[in-house]
């Protein structure tokens, strides 16, 4: 049996879709990382819905919680609101907005430090924007870390500023660790992860949108605590997902 696993959204030419449709049509089944990814696929391809299923990535919560308890450096200064973003530093991930958002928050009088964990081809550009915005002391690009979970567990707010995202694993991880989360609307899979205003914020992938979302959580501690409590009620572990695959194999 042949199965395709689709992890991203689609933004290609019609000729690309036409050619790829022939390949996908050879599959016995297609699994999609989120409901939004499946919807995006069906707008461009003619594969029957009966051959498509949503399959969330299984995540080992216990491993993440255990690693989150380890020490980390640099440690956070409680005199600041500590923000964290984890992910590849590349165009689609939106880290290029972080310097401008930080500048605005500082100008509003909020004492913030933003830690960016990850590396990629946009790092030098983000560093340049930090210099232009005068926030090099407030935005810390830490590069790749083998264990980002202590940073996630101890931050005040987790921010995922992606311009596009099929399904954010880091949002799942931050949710498991009970963090108040700000994510962005173009990250289609986020609607499978966060209920806007109840257990997190889903904002526009703009400097204005991110600034507003983070600002609200800084100024409203009760709302932040609500998000931290409610997000932990979500099933981010993908429990039972393997049964979908086994059921397909047993058909």
Protein backbone atom coordinates (compact mmCIF):
# COMPACT_ATOMS: atom_id res chain seq x y z
CA UNK A 1 0.00 0.00 0.00
CA UNK A 2 1.22 3.47 -0.86
CA UNK A 3 0.60 6.38 1.48
CA UNK A 4 1.52 10.07 1.18
CA UNK A 5 2.04 12.27 4.22
CA UNK A 6 1.26 15.95 3.58
CA UNK A 7 2.78 18.43 6.04
CA UNK A 8 2.49 21.79 4.31
CA UNK A 9 0.08 24.15 2.60
CA UNK A 10 -0.03 24.63 -1.16
CA UNK A 11 1.07 27.75 -3.01
CA UNK A 12 2.21 26.61 -6.44
CA UNK A 13 1.28 27.02 -10.10
CA UNK A 14 -1.70 25.30 -11.70
CA UNK A 15 0.73 23.38 -13.92
CA UNK A 16 2.44 22.09 -10.80
CA UNK A 17 -0.90 20.96 -9.35
CA UNK A 18 -1.83 19.22 -12.61
CA UNK A 19 1.42 17.27 -12.74
CA UNK A 20 1.41 16.41 -9.03
CA UNK A 21 -2.19 15.24 -9.19
CA UNK A 22 -1.06 12.25 -11.23
CA UNK A 23 1.44 11.25 -8.57
CA UNK A 24 -0.99 11.68 -5.68
CA UNK A 25 -3.62 9.71 -7.57
CA UNK A 26 -1.34 6.66 -7.39
CA UNK A 27 -1.54 6.72 -3.59
CA UNK A 28 -3.91 4.42 -1.75
CA UNK A 29 -4.35 7.02 0.97
CA UNK A 30 -3.15 10.48 2.00
CA UNK A 31 -2.66 11.65 5.60
CA UNK A 32 -2.64 15.39 6.39
CA UNK A 33 -1.01 17.08 9.35
CA UNK A 34 -4.04 19.32 9.99
CA UNK A 35 -7.58 19.96 8.85
CA UNK A 36 -6.50 23.19 7.17
CA UNK A 37 -3.80 21.39 5.21
CA UNK A 38 -6.40 18.92 3.95
CA UNK A 39 -8.74 21.77 2.92
CA UNK A 40 -5.89 23.51 1.10
CA UNK A 41 -5.07 20.30 -0.75
CA UNK A 42 -8.65 19.69 -1.88
CA UNK A 43 -8.87 23.14 -3.45
CA UNK A 44 -6.20 22.16 -5.97
CA UNK A 45 -6.35 18.39 -6.42
CA UNK A 46 -9.03 15.92 -7.50
CA UNK A 47 -8.20 13.10 -5.09
CA UNK A 48 -11.46 11.78 -3.50
CA UNK A 49 -12.09 12.86 0.08
CA UNK A 50 -12.58 9.19 1.01
CA UNK A 51 -8.84 8.64 0.45
CA UNK A 52 -7.80 11.49 2.74
CA UNK A 53 -7.49 11.69 6.54
CA UNK A 54 -6.15 14.15 9.11
CA UNK A 55 -3.32 12.62 11.13
CA UNK A 56 -1.80 14.70 13.93
CA UNK A 57 1.86 14.15 14.72
CA UNK A 58 2.26 12.00 17.87
CA UNK A 59 4.38 13.82 20.47
CA UNK A 60 5.98 12.34 23.58
CA UNK A 61 4.71 14.68 26.31
CA UNK A 62 6.60 12.96 29.12
CA UNK A 63 9.92 13.40 27.35
CA UNK A 64 9.23 17.11 26.80
CA UNK A 65 8.16 17.69 30.40
CA UNK A 66 11.24 15.85 31.68
CA UNK A 67 13.64 17.82 29.47
CA UNK A 68 11.91 21.08 30.42
CA UNK A 69 13.01 20.60 34.02
CA UNK A 70 16.72 20.73 33.17
CA UNK A 71 18.88 23.82 33.65
CA UNK A 72 19.33 26.31 30.83
CA UNK A 73 21.61 29.21 29.99
CA UNK A 74 21.15 32.12 29.75
CA UNK A 75 18.58 32.08 32.52
CA UNK A 76 15.67 34.53 32.53
CA UNK A 77 15.63 37.74 34.54
CA UNK A 78 12.25 37.97 36.35
CA UNK A 79 12.43 41.77 36.08
CA UNK A 80 11.57 41.35 32.39
CA UNK A 81 8.70 39.80 30.46
CA UNK A 82 10.49 36.94 28.75
CA UNK A 83 9.21 35.93 25.31
CA UNK A 84 10.36 32.83 23.41
CA UNK A 85 10.12 31.74 19.78
CA UNK A 86 11.50 28.38 18.62
CA UNK A 87 11.99 27.32 15.01
CA UNK A 88 14.08 27.50 11.89
CA UNK A 89 15.05 31.13 11.22
CA UNK A 90 13.75 31.43 7.67
CA UNK A 91 11.44 33.59 5.61
CA UNK A 92 8.19 31.75 6.28
CA UNK A 93 8.68 31.62 10.05
CA UNK A 94 8.22 35.36 10.59
CA UNK A 95 11.16 36.11 12.89
CA UNK A 96 11.86 39.20 10.77
CA UNK A 97 8.92 40.88 12.55
CA UNK A 98 10.37 40.33 16.03
CA UNK A 99 12.72 43.38 16.08
CA UNK A 100 9.92 45.81 15.15
CA UNK A 101 7.46 44.24 17.61
CA UNK A 102 10.09 44.43 20.36
CA UNK A 103 10.77 48.09 19.56
CA UNK A 104 7.07 48.91 19.88
CA UNK A 105 6.69 47.06 23.17
CA UNK A 106 9.72 48.85 24.61
CA UNK A 107 8.37 52.21 23.45
CA UNK A 108 5.11 51.40 25.26
CA UNK A 109 7.09 50.97 28.46
CA UNK A 110 7.07 47.19 28.61
CA UNK A 111 10.36 45.66 29.75
CA UNK A 112 10.66 42.67 27.43
CA UNK A 113 13.37 40.29 26.33
CA UNK A 114 12.76 38.04 23.37
CA UNK A 115 14.72 34.80 22.97
CA UNK A 116 14.84 33.26 19.50
CA UNK A 117 15.97 29.64 19.41
CA UNK A 118 16.93 28.18 16.05
CA UNK A 119 19.11 28.96 13.08
CA UNK A 120 18.71 29.45 9.36
CA UNK A 121 19.35 31.59 6.32
CA UNK A 122 17.43 34.59 7.71
CA UNK A 123 19.47 34.95 10.87
CA UNK A 124 21.80 37.65 9.55
CA UNK A 125 18.78 39.61 8.28
CA UNK A 126 17.08 39.42 11.68
CA UNK A 127 20.31 40.55 13.36
CA UNK A 128 20.49 43.50 10.97
CA UNK A 129 16.88 44.45 11.77
CA UNK A 130 17.70 44.29 15.48
CA UNK A 131 20.48 46.82 14.95
CA UNK A 132 18.22 49.06 12.89
CA UNK A 133 15.51 48.98 15.56
CA UNK A 134 18.01 49.42 18.41
CA UNK A 135 16.94 46.24 20.18
CA UNK A 136 20.14 44.19 20.19
CA UNK A 137 20.07 44.15 24.02
CA UNK A 138 16.47 42.95 24.05
CA UNK A 139 16.37 40.33 21.27
CA UNK A 140 18.66 37.35 21.84
CA UNK A 141 19.28 34.98 18.94
CA UNK A 142 20.54 31.87 20.67
CA UNK A 143 20.99 29.63 17.65
CA UNK A 144 20.20 25.93 17.67
CA UNK A 145 19.73 24.31 21.08
CA UNK A 146 19.43 20.56 21.53
CA UNK A 147 16.99 21.15 24.37
CA UNK A 148 14.79 24.24 23.89
CA UNK A 149 12.17 23.06 26.38
CA UNK A 150 13.51 24.77 29.54
CA UNK A 151 13.30 28.08 27.65
CA UNK A 152 9.74 27.33 26.60
CA UNK A 153 8.70 26.15 30.06
CA UNK A 154 10.09 29.18 31.87
CA UNK A 155 9.07 31.97 29.50
CA UNK A 156 6.10 34.24 30.19
CA UNK A 157 4.66 34.12 26.67
CA UNK A 158 5.38 31.82 23.73
CA UNK A 159 5.08 33.47 20.29
CA UNK A 160 4.93 31.72 16.91
CA UNK A 161 4.99 34.50 14.28
CA UNK A 162 4.86 32.31 11.14
CA UNK A 163 3.62 33.64 7.82
CA UNK A 164 2.65 30.08 6.88
CA UNK A 165 2.57 26.83 8.83
CA UNK A 166 0.88 23.51 8.13
CA UNK A 167 0.77 22.52 11.80
CA UNK A 168 3.14 23.94 14.40
CA UNK A 169 4.84 21.31 16.54
CA UNK A 170 6.29 24.03 18.75
CA UNK A 171 2.80 25.32 19.57
CA UNK A 172 1.90 21.78 20.66
CA UNK A 173 5.01 21.63 22.84
CA UNK A 174 4.38 25.06 24.38
CA UNK A 175 0.77 24.03 25.03
CA UNK A 176 1.88 20.85 26.78
CA UNK A 177 4.11 23.01 28.99
CA UNK A 178 1.20 25.28 29.90
CA UNK A 179 2.27 28.47 28.16
CA UNK A 180 0.21 31.45 27.07
CA UNK A 181 0.60 31.39 23.27
CA UNK A 182 0.33 33.98 20.52
CA UNK A 183 0.13 32.45 17.03
CA UNK A 184 -0.78 33.79 13.61
CA UNK A 185 -3.77 33.34 11.30
CA UNK A 186 -1.86 32.30 8.16
CA UNK A 187 -0.61 29.29 10.12
CA UNK A 188 -3.63 27.31 8.97
CA UNK A 189 -3.16 24.38 11.30
CA UNK A 190 -3.30 26.68 14.32
CA UNK A 191 -7.11 26.53 14.24
CA UNK A 192 -6.77 22.83 15.12
CA UNK A 193 -4.56 23.84 18.07
CA UNK A 194 -5.84 27.05 19.65
CA UNK A 195 -9.32 28.42 20.34
CA UNK A 196 -8.77 32.15 19.90
CA UNK A 197 -9.47 34.13 23.05
CA UNK A 198 -10.08 31.04 25.19
CA UNK A 199 -6.71 29.30 25.43
CA UNK A 200 -4.48 31.51 23.28
CA UNK A 201 -4.47 34.32 20.72
CA UNK A 202 -4.55 33.94 16.94
CA UNK A 203 -3.51 37.26 15.40
CA UNK A 204 -2.65 38.66 11.98
CA UNK A 205 0.89 37.83 10.84
CA UNK A 206 1.87 41.49 11.00
CA UNK A 207 3.84 43.70 13.35
CA UNK A 208 0.55 45.31 14.43
CA UNK A 209 -1.13 41.95 15.08
CA UNK A 210 1.74 40.46 17.06
CA UNK A 211 2.29 43.64 19.07
CA UNK A 212 -1.38 43.78 20.02
CA UNK A 213 -1.52 40.12 21.05
CA UNK A 214 1.63 40.21 23.17
CA UNK A 215 0.66 43.57 24.70
CA UNK A 216 -2.71 42.21 25.86
CA UNK A 217 -1.07 39.27 27.60
CA UNK A 218 1.56 41.46 29.26
CA UNK A 219 -1.07 43.84 30.62
CA UNK A 220 -3.70 41.24 31.58
CA UNK A 221 -2.12 38.69 33.91
CA UNK A 222 -5.47 37.04 34.67
CA UNK A 223 -6.00 36.35 30.97
CA UNK A 224 -2.49 34.97 30.70
CA UNK A 225 -3.18 32.58 33.59
CA UNK A 226 -6.44 31.55 31.94
CA UNK A 227 -4.64 30.67 28.72
CA UNK A 228 -2.01 28.72 30.65
CA UNK A 229 -4.70 26.65 32.35
CA UNK A 230 -7.00 26.08 29.39
CA UNK A 231 -4.32 25.16 26.85
CA UNK A 232 -3.31 22.17 28.94
CA UNK A 233 -6.75 20.65 28.40
CA UNK A 234 -5.99 20.13 24.71
CA UNK A 235 -4.76 16.78 23.40
CA UNK A 236 -1.46 17.65 21.76
CA UNK A 237 0.00 14.17 22.13
CA UNK A 238 -1.79 12.71 19.15
CA UNK A 239 -3.16 9.87 21.27
CA UNK A 240 -4.95 7.33 19.13
CA UNK A 241 -3.58 8.69 15.84
CA UNK A 242 -1.57 5.52 15.17
CA UNK A 243 -4.88 3.64 15.17
CA UNK A 244 -5.89 5.53 12.03
CA UNK A 245 -2.85 4.14 10.23
CA UNK A 246 -3.33 0.64 11.58
CA UNK A 247 -7.00 0.72 10.59
CA UNK A 248 -5.99 1.68 7.06
CA UNK A 249 -3.45 -1.15 6.89
CA UNK A 250 -6.08 -3.63 8.08
CA UNK A 251 -8.69 -2.62 5.50
